[in-house]
Amino acid sequence: TNSDGGYYNFSGGLAAFLQGQAGSFQAELPCCSLNRDHRQSLLGFYGQDEFKATSRLTVNLGVREEFMTSPVEVHGAAANMLNVMDTAPVVGNPYIQTHKLNVAPRFGIAWDSLGNSKLVIRAGYGIFYDQPLPTYWTSASFTMPPFAATAQLSNVTFPTAYSLVNLQKPVFGDIYPYENTGTTYAMQYDFTIQSQIARGTVLTVGYAGSQGRHLVVKGQIGRAS
C-alpha cells in the first residue's frame, strides 16, 4: 500500500490491513530523492562493401564503431564505488566512464569451389557490441549513498508511521556498484558447406558459435552505514 507518507506492507493479511497494523514501512526522506535525470547519447558509424574477388569468390567486408557517452545526472546526484575496496562512494559526474573505442569488424565469404554452384563454402565472423544502456546501470545508481537514503520501520500503525521516522539517521540499502571494465561484446562466427547431392536436393552442413566478453554481472557488495 502506498500513501503520501511512504510505503506500507501488510504481511498479516486482510485482518492486519483492516486493523491498520503494517508489518513494515519504507519512506523516501526529504534529503534523498530517488528521482534521477540522466543524460546519455549513442553515436555510431559504419561502412560496408561487397565485391567479387574472383568469378567464384564473393567477399563481404564491414566495420562499425559506436559508443555511449558517459552518463551525467543533471542535478549532480551521481555517486559510485569505483573500487570494491573503497570505504565510501565517489560523488560526482559522470556516473561511470564509458569506453569509446569499440571497433567492430565483420567479414564473410562465399566460395563456389567447383564453379557450377554445386559445392559452395561460406564463412563469416563479426564482433557485435552491447552498449552500456541505462537499463544496465540505472538500478545500481538508485542504491548509492548519499543520494539513496530511506526510512525503514517494522510493525507500525497505518497511516501515522512517518511521524516515527528519525530524519537525522537515514538508512542506506544494499550497494550495487556498476564497474565498467569494458564494453560488452560478442564474437559470432559460422562456417557452412552446401552441396547439391542430387537434382532438386541440397545438403547443408554448418557450424555456428559465439563467445561473449566483458559480460554484465550483478552483485551486491554490502550495506552502507
C-alpha atoms as a PDB file:
ATOM      1  CA  THR A   1       0.000   0.000   0.000  1.00  0.00           C
ATOM      2  CA  ASN A   2       1.310   3.454  -0.908  1.00  0.00           C
ATOM      3  CA  SER A   3       0.287   6.731   0.682  1.00  0.00           C
ATOM      4  CA  ASP A   4       1.774  10.209   0.579  1.00  0.00           C
ATOM      5  CA  GLY A   5       3.774   9.284   3.654  1.00  0.00           C
ATOM      6  CA  GLY A   6       5.527   6.176   2.290  1.00  0.00           C
ATOM      7  CA  TYR A   7       5.022   2.505   1.506  1.00  0.00           C
ATOM      8  CA  TYR A   8       3.257   0.160   3.925  1.00  0.00           C
ATOM      9  CA  ASN A   9       3.486  -3.608   3.663  1.00  0.00           C
ATOM     10  CA  PHE A  10       0.711  -5.584   5.356  1.00  0.00           C
ATOM     11  CA  SER A  11       2.174  -9.041   5.819  1.00  0.00           C
ATOM     12  CA  GLY A  12      -0.565 -10.213   8.187  1.00  0.00           C
ATOM     13  CA  GLY A  13      -3.262 -10.495   5.580  1.00  0.00           C
ATOM     14  CA  LEU A  14      -6.671  -8.838   5.426  1.00  0.00           C
ATOM     15  CA  ALA A  15      -7.106  -8.753   9.203  1.00  0.00           C
ATOM     16  CA  ALA A  16      -3.893  -6.755   9.662  1.00  0.00           C
ATOM     17  CA  PHE A  17      -4.922  -4.406   6.868  1.00  0.00           C
ATOM     18  CA  LEU A  18      -8.329  -3.719   8.434  1.00  0.00           C
ATOM     19  CA  GLN A  19      -6.696  -3.074  11.821  1.00  0.00           C
ATOM     20  CA  GLY A  20      -4.046  -0.787  10.280  1.00  0.00           C
ATOM     21  CA  GLN A  21      -1.161  -2.941  11.532  1.00  0.00           C
ATOM     22  CA  ALA A  22       1.605  -2.918   8.911  1.00  0.00           C
ATOM     23  CA  GLY A  23       4.482  -5.346   9.031  1.00  0.00           C
ATOM     24  CA  SER A  24       6.914  -2.843   7.556  1.00  0.00           C
ATOM     25  CA  PHE A  25       7.130   0.733   6.360  1.00  0.00           C
ATOM     26  CA  GLN A  26       9.515   2.467   3.988  1.00  0.00           C
ATOM     27  CA  ALA A  27       9.646   6.139   3.047  1.00  0.00           C
ATOM     28  CA  GLU A  28      11.794   8.377   0.922  1.00  0.00           C
ATOM     29  CA  LEU A  29      13.488  11.074   3.012  1.00  0.00           C
ATOM     30  CA  PRO A  30      13.368  14.761   2.055  1.00  0.00           C
ATOM     31  CA  CYS A  31      17.164  14.832   1.716  1.00  0.00           C
ATOM     32  CA  CYS A  32      17.409  11.919  -0.673  1.00  0.00           C
ATOM     33  CA  SER A  33      15.042  11.786  -3.620  1.00  0.00           C
ATOM     34  CA  LEU A  34      15.202   8.641  -5.724  1.00  0.00           C
ATOM     35  CA  ASN A  35      14.407  10.634  -8.869  1.00  0.00           C
ATOM     36  CA  ARG A  36      17.245  10.787 -11.386  1.00  0.00           C
ATOM     37  CA  ASP A  37      17.642  12.830 -14.549  1.00  0.00           C
ATOM     38  CA  HIS A  38      20.432  11.180 -16.518  1.00  0.00           C
ATOM     39  CA  ARG A  39      21.750  12.251 -19.902  1.00  0.00           C
ATOM     40  CA  GLN A  40      23.491   9.874 -22.297  1.00  0.00           C
ATOM     41  CA  SER A  41      23.891   9.641 -26.077  1.00  0.00           C
ATOM     42  CA  LEU A  42      24.670   6.826 -28.508  1.00  0.00           C
ATOM     43  CA  LEU A  43      26.862   7.556 -31.526  1.00  0.00           C
ATOM     44  CA  GLY A  44      27.629   5.083 -34.290  1.00  0.00           C
ATOM     45  CA  PHE A  45      29.433   4.986 -37.638  1.00  0.00           C
ATOM     46  CA  TYR A  46      29.757   2.127 -40.079  1.00  0.00           C
ATOM     47  CA  GLY A  47      30.895   1.161 -43.547  1.00  0.00           C
ATOM     48  CA  GLN A  48      30.266  -1.994 -45.576  1.00  0.00           C
ATOM     49  CA  ASP A  49      31.052  -3.283 -49.050  1.00  0.00           C
ATOM     50  CA  GLU A  50      30.604  -6.463 -51.035  1.00  0.00           C
ATOM     51  CA  PHE A  51      32.670  -7.367 -54.076  1.00  0.00           C
ATOM     52  CA  LYS A  52      33.749 -10.287 -56.204  1.00  0.00           C
ATOM     53  CA  ALA A  53      37.430 -11.080 -55.634  1.00  0.00           C
ATOM     54  CA  THR A  54      37.227 -13.649 -58.446  1.00  0.00           C
ATOM     55  CA  SER A  55      34.424 -15.059 -60.556  1.00  0.00           C
ATOM     56  CA  ARG A  56      33.860 -17.720 -57.876  1.00  0.00           C
ATOM     57  CA  LEU A  57      34.695 -15.836 -54.662  1.00  0.00           C
ATOM     58  CA  THR A  58      32.440 -13.151 -53.137  1.00  0.00           C
ATOM     59  CA  VAL A  59      33.742 -11.145 -50.194  1.00  0.00           C
ATOM     60  CA  ASN A  60      31.754  -9.001 -47.770  1.00  0.00           C
ATOM     61  CA  LEU A  61      33.675  -6.591 -45.514  1.00  0.00           C
ATOM     62  CA  GLY A  62      32.398  -4.168 -42.912  1.00  0.00           C
ATOM     63  CA  VAL A  63      33.386  -2.245 -39.803  1.00  0.00           C
ATOM     64  CA  ARG A  64      31.394  -0.375 -37.194  1.00  0.00           C
ATOM     65  CA  GLU A  65      32.423   1.999 -34.432  1.00  0.00           C
ATOM     66  CA  GLU A  66      29.879   3.029 -31.809  1.00  0.00           C
ATOM     67  CA  PHE A  67      29.898   4.214 -28.232  1.00  0.00           C
ATOM     68  CA  MET A  68      27.760   5.645 -25.464  1.00  0.00           C
ATOM     69  CA  THR A  69      28.721   8.913 -23.848  1.00  0.00           C
ATOM     70  CA  SER A  70      29.401   8.777 -20.118  1.00  0.00           C
ATOM     71  CA  PRO A  71      26.083   9.244 -18.248  1.00  0.00           C
ATOM     72  CA  VAL A  72      25.623  12.543 -16.424  1.00  0.00           C
ATOM     73  CA  GLU A  73      22.970  13.318 -13.807  1.00  0.00           C
ATOM     74  CA  VAL A  74      21.934  16.903 -14.490  1.00  0.00           C
ATOM     75  CA  HIS A  75      21.386  17.734 -10.800  1.00  0.00           C
ATOM     76  CA  GLY A  76      24.677  16.193  -9.664  1.00  0.00           C
ATOM     77  CA  ALA A  77      23.017  13.259  -7.877  1.00  0.00           C
ATOM     78  CA  ALA A  78      25.625  10.768  -9.056  1.00  0.00           C
ATOM     79  CA  ALA A  79      27.811   8.533  -6.911  1.00  0.00           C
ATOM     80  CA  ASN A  80      29.533   5.216  -7.488  1.00  0.00           C
ATOM     81  CA  MET A  81      32.012   2.836  -5.893  1.00  0.00           C
ATOM     82  CA  LEU A  82      34.970   2.966  -8.254  1.00  0.00           C
ATOM     83  CA  ASN A  83      36.639   0.106  -6.412  1.00  0.00           C
ATOM     84  CA  VAL A  84      35.016  -2.591  -4.277  1.00  0.00           C
ATOM     85  CA  MET A  85      37.618  -1.929  -1.561  1.00  0.00           C
ATOM     86  CA  ASP A  86      36.665   1.752  -1.244  1.00  0.00           C
ATOM     87  CA  THR A  87      35.120   2.770   2.068  1.00  0.00           C
ATOM     88  CA  ALA A  88      32.812   5.380   0.552  1.00  0.00           C
ATOM     89  CA  PRO A  89      31.324   6.206  -2.843  1.00  0.00           C
ATOM     90  CA  VAL A  90      32.850   8.866  -5.052  1.00  0.00           C
ATOM     91  CA  VAL A  91      30.319  11.645  -5.594  1.00  0.00           C
ATOM     92  CA  GLY A  92      30.056  13.495  -8.891  1.00  0.00           C
ATOM     93  CA  ASN A  93      29.561  13.140 -12.618  1.00  0.00           C
ATOM     94  CA  PRO A  94      29.899  11.133 -14.683  1.00  0.00           C
ATOM     95  CA  TYR A  95      28.298   8.143 -13.001  1.00  0.00           C
ATOM     96  CA  ILE A  96      30.602   5.815 -14.974  1.00  0.00           C
ATOM     97  CA  GLN A  97      33.248   6.307 -17.640  1.00  0.00           C
ATOM     98  CA  THR A  98      32.215   4.546 -20.819  1.00  0.00           C
ATOM     99  CA  HIS A  99      34.709   3.094 -23.282  1.00  0.00           C
ATOM    100  CA  LYS A 100      34.759   4.964 -26.571  1.00  0.00           C
ATOM    101  CA  LEU A 101      36.953   2.724 -28.768  1.00  0.00           C
ATOM    102  CA  ASN A 102      34.615  -0.101 -29.805  1.00  0.00           C
ATOM    103  CA  VAL A 103      35.752  -1.094 -33.278  1.00  0.00           C
ATOM    104  CA  ALA A 104      33.605  -3.950 -34.571  1.00  0.00           C
ATOM    105  CA  PRO A 105      34.882  -5.600 -37.774  1.00  0.00           C
ATOM    106  CA  ARG A 106      32.900  -8.233 -39.618  1.00  0.00           C
ATOM    107  CA  PHE A 107      33.518 -10.165 -42.811  1.00  0.00           C
ATOM    108  CA  GLY A 108      32.060 -13.011 -44.834  1.00  0.00           C
ATOM    109  CA  ILE A 109      32.971 -15.060 -47.897  1.00  0.00           C
ATOM    110  CA  ALA A 110      31.086 -17.275 -50.304  1.00  0.00           C
ATOM    111  CA  TRP A 111      33.223 -19.568 -52.496  1.00  0.00           C
ATOM    112  CA  ASP A 112      31.808 -21.502 -55.419  1.00  0.00           C
ATOM    113  CA  SER A 113      34.534 -24.143 -55.250  1.00  0.00           C
ATOM    114  CA  LEU A 114      33.621 -26.011 -58.462  1.00  0.00           C
ATOM    115  CA  GLY A 115      32.397 -23.045 -60.433  1.00  0.00           C
ATOM    116  CA  ASN A 116      28.993 -24.628 -61.085  1.00  0.00           C
ATOM    117  CA  SER A 117      27.230 -23.706 -57.791  1.00  0.00           C
ATOM    118  CA  LYS A 118      27.098 -27.366 -56.734  1.00  0.00           C
ATOM    119  CA  LEU A 119      29.583 -27.068 -53.875  1.00  0.00           C
ATOM    120  CA  VAL A 120      29.564 -23.698 -52.085  1.00  0.00           C
ATOM    121  CA  ILE A 121      31.545 -22.872 -48.959  1.00  0.00           C
ATOM    122  CA  ARG A 122      30.542 -19.926 -46.794  1.00  0.00           C
ATOM    123  CA  ALA A 123      32.182 -18.450 -43.695  1.00  0.00           C
ATOM    124  CA  GLY A 124      31.705 -15.341 -41.604  1.00  0.00           C
ATOM    125  CA  TYR A 125      32.939 -13.597 -38.479  1.00  0.00           C
ATOM    126  CA  GLY A 126      31.870 -10.456 -36.670  1.00  0.00           C
ATOM    127  CA  ILE A 127      32.134  -8.540 -33.410  1.00  0.00           C
ATOM    128  CA  PHE A 128      28.942  -7.002 -32.019  1.00  0.00           C
ATOM    129  CA  TYR A 129      28.912  -4.627 -29.036  1.00  0.00           C
ATOM    130  CA  ASP A 130      26.213  -4.344 -26.400  1.00  0.00           C
ATOM    131  CA  GLN A 131      26.470  -0.748 -25.237  1.00  0.00           C
ATOM    132  CA  PRO A 132      26.028   0.255 -21.550  1.00  0.00           C
ATOM    133  CA  LEU A 133      22.471   1.482 -21.968  1.00  0.00           C
ATOM    134  CA  PRO A 134      20.629   2.901 -18.941  1.00  0.00           C
ATOM    135  CA  THR A 135      18.767  -0.391 -18.469  1.00  0.00           C
ATOM    136  CA  TYR A 136      22.045  -1.875 -17.162  1.00  0.00           C
ATOM    137  CA  TRP A 137      23.089   0.739 -14.622  1.00  0.00           C
ATOM    138  CA  THR A 138      20.121   2.870 -13.521  1.00  0.00           C
ATOM    139  CA  SER A 139      19.026   0.402 -10.825  1.00  0.00           C
ATOM    140  CA  ALA A 140      22.532   0.463  -9.352  1.00  0.00           C
ATOM    141  CA  SER A 141      22.596   4.277  -9.396  1.00  0.00           C
ATOM    142  CA  PHE A 142      19.440   4.430  -7.255  1.00  0.00           C
ATOM    143  CA  THR A 143      21.048   2.486  -4.373  1.00  0.00           C
ATOM    144  CA  MET A 144      24.206   4.541  -3.938  1.00  0.00           C
ATOM    145  CA  PRO A 145      24.708   6.793  -0.901  1.00  0.00           C
ATOM    146  CA  PRO A 146      24.457   9.658  -0.172  1.00  0.00           C
ATOM    147  CA  PHE A 147      21.507  10.014  -2.576  1.00  0.00           C
ATOM    148  CA  ALA A 148      19.580   6.845  -1.734  1.00  0.00           C
ATOM    149  CA  ALA A 149      18.678   7.018   1.945  1.00  0.00           C
ATOM    150  CA  THR A 150      15.296   5.763   3.101  1.00  0.00           C
ATOM    151  CA  ALA A 151      13.416   5.348   6.351  1.00  0.00           C
ATOM    152  CA  GLN A 152      12.625   1.737   7.258  1.00  0.00           C
ATOM    153  CA  LEU A 153      10.457   0.678  10.216  1.00  0.00           C
ATOM    154  CA  SER A 154       8.858  -2.584  11.311  1.00  0.00           C
ATOM    155  CA  ASN A 155       5.491  -3.302  12.930  1.00  0.00           C
ATOM    156  CA  VAL A 156       3.943   0.145  12.585  1.00  0.00           C
ATOM    157  CA  THR A 157       0.447   1.615  12.563  1.00  0.00           C
ATOM    158  CA  PHE A 158      -1.110   2.863   9.339  1.00  0.00           C
ATOM    159  CA  PRO A 159      -1.132   5.736   8.379  1.00  0.00           C
ATOM    160  CA  THR A 160       0.998   7.512  11.024  1.00  0.00           C
ATOM    161  CA  ALA A 161       4.338   5.694  10.726  1.00  0.00           C
ATOM    162  CA  TYR A 162       6.126   8.644   9.132  1.00  0.00           C
ATOM    163  CA  SER A 163       5.878  10.587  12.399  1.00  0.00           C
ATOM    164  CA  LEU A 164       8.196   7.990  13.971  1.00  0.00           C
ATOM    165  CA  VAL A 165      10.964   8.460  11.399  1.00  0.00           C
ATOM    166  CA  ASN A 166      14.268   9.823  12.668  1.00  0.00           C
ATOM    167  CA  LEU A 167      15.280  12.198   9.886  1.00  0.00           C
ATOM    168  CA  GLN A 168      18.777  12.512  11.379  1.00  0.00           C
ATOM    169  CA  LYS A 169      19.544   8.807  10.921  1.00  0.00           C
ATOM    170  CA  PRO A 170      18.873   7.832   7.320  1.00  0.00           C
ATOM    171  CA  VAL A 171      19.134   4.176   6.401  1.00  0.00           C
ATOM    172  CA  PHE A 172      21.035   3.147   3.298  1.00  0.00           C
ATOM    173  CA  GLY A 173      20.243  -0.063   1.493  1.00  0.00           C
ATOM    174  CA  ASP A 174      22.480  -2.624  -0.146  1.00  0.00           C
ATOM    175  CA  ILE A 175      25.076  -1.193  -2.500  1.00  0.00           C
ATOM    176  CA  TYR A 176      25.212  -2.386  -6.097  1.00  0.00           C
ATOM    177  CA  PRO A 177      28.093  -0.525  -7.755  1.00  0.00           C
ATOM    178  CA  TYR A 178      28.485  -0.528 -11.530  1.00  0.00           C
ATOM    179  CA  GLU A 179      32.052  -1.122 -12.676  1.00  0.00           C
ATOM    180  CA  ASN A 180      32.523  -0.639 -16.399  1.00  0.00           C
ATOM    181  CA  THR A 181      35.621  -2.729 -17.178  1.00  0.00           C
ATOM    182  CA  GLY A 182      34.925  -2.709 -20.895  1.00  0.00           C
ATOM    183  CA  THR A 183      32.046  -2.599 -23.352  1.00  0.00           C
ATOM    184  CA  THR A 184      30.210  -5.925 -23.531  1.00  0.00           C
ATOM    185  CA  TYR A 185      30.621  -7.625 -26.887  1.00  0.00           C
ATOM    186  CA  ALA A 186      30.081 -10.945 -28.613  1.00  0.00           C
ATOM    187  CA  MET A 187      32.166 -12.637 -31.288  1.00  0.00           C
ATOM    188  CA  GLN A 188      29.943 -14.554 -33.695  1.00  0.00           C
ATOM    189  CA  TYR A 189      31.195 -16.910 -36.387  1.00  0.00           C
ATOM    190  CA  ASP A 190      29.884 -19.564 -38.746  1.00  0.00           C
ATOM    191  CA  PHE A 191      31.086 -21.989 -41.421  1.00  0.00           C
ATOM    192  CA  THR A 192      28.863 -23.893 -43.837  1.00  0.00           C
ATOM    193  CA  ILE A 193      29.271 -26.254 -46.755  1.00  0.00           C
ATOM    194  CA  GLN A 194      26.375 -26.593 -49.174  1.00  0.00           C
ATOM    195  CA  SER A 195      26.377 -29.329 -51.800  1.00  0.00           C
ATOM    196  CA  GLN A 196      23.912 -30.453 -54.422  1.00  0.00           C
ATOM    197  CA  ILE A 197      23.793 -34.223 -53.965  1.00  0.00           C
ATOM    198  CA  ALA A 198      21.007 -34.889 -56.468  1.00  0.00           C
ATOM    199  CA  ARG A 199      18.728 -32.898 -58.711  1.00  0.00           C
ATOM    200  CA  GLY A 200      16.483 -30.793 -56.501  1.00  0.00           C
ATOM    201  CA  THR A 201      18.285 -31.948 -53.316  1.00  0.00           C
ATOM    202  CA  VAL A 202      20.837 -29.875 -51.407  1.00  0.00           C
ATOM    203  CA  LEU A 203      22.762 -30.921 -48.307  1.00  0.00           C
ATOM    204  CA  THR A 204      23.973 -28.197 -45.941  1.00  0.00           C
ATOM    205  CA  VAL A 205      26.375 -28.824 -43.069  1.00  0.00           C
ATOM    206  CA  GLY A 206      27.362 -25.929 -40.858  1.00  0.00           C
ATOM    207  CA  TYR A 207      28.772 -24.751 -37.565  1.00  0.00           C
ATOM    208  CA  ALA A 208      27.846 -21.532 -35.761  1.00  0.00           C
ATOM    209  CA  GLY A 209      29.199 -20.235 -32.493  1.00  0.00           C
ATOM    210  CA  SER A 210      29.606 -17.182 -30.322  1.00  0.00           C
ATOM    211  CA  GLN A 211      31.664 -16.032 -27.367  1.00  0.00           C
ATOM    212  CA  GLY A 212      30.978 -13.114 -25.022  1.00  0.00           C
ATOM    213  CA  ARG A 213      33.410 -10.787 -23.312  1.00  0.00           C
ATOM    214  CA  HIS A 214      33.008  -8.182 -20.523  1.00  0.00           C
ATOM    215  CA  LEU A 215      29.561  -9.523 -19.635  1.00  0.00           C
ATOM    216  CA  VAL A 216      27.471  -7.593 -17.122  1.00  0.00           C
ATOM    217  CA  VAL A 217      27.212  -9.387 -13.766  1.00  0.00           C
ATOM    218  CA  LYS A 218      25.081  -8.048 -10.946  1.00  0.00           C
ATOM    219  CA  GLY A 219      26.334  -8.436  -7.392  1.00  0.00           C
ATOM    220  CA  GLN A 220      25.758  -6.808  -4.021  1.00  0.00           C
ATOM    221  CA  ILE A 221      28.910  -5.844  -2.066  1.00  0.00           C
ATOM    222  CA  GLY A 222      27.495  -4.662   1.230  1.00  0.00           C
ATOM    223  CA  ARG A 223      25.237  -2.287   3.108  1.00  0.00           C
ATOM    224  CA  ALA A 224      26.184   1.300   3.757  1.00  0.00           C
ATOM    225  CA  SER A 225      26.204   2.568   7.296  1.00  0.00           C
END
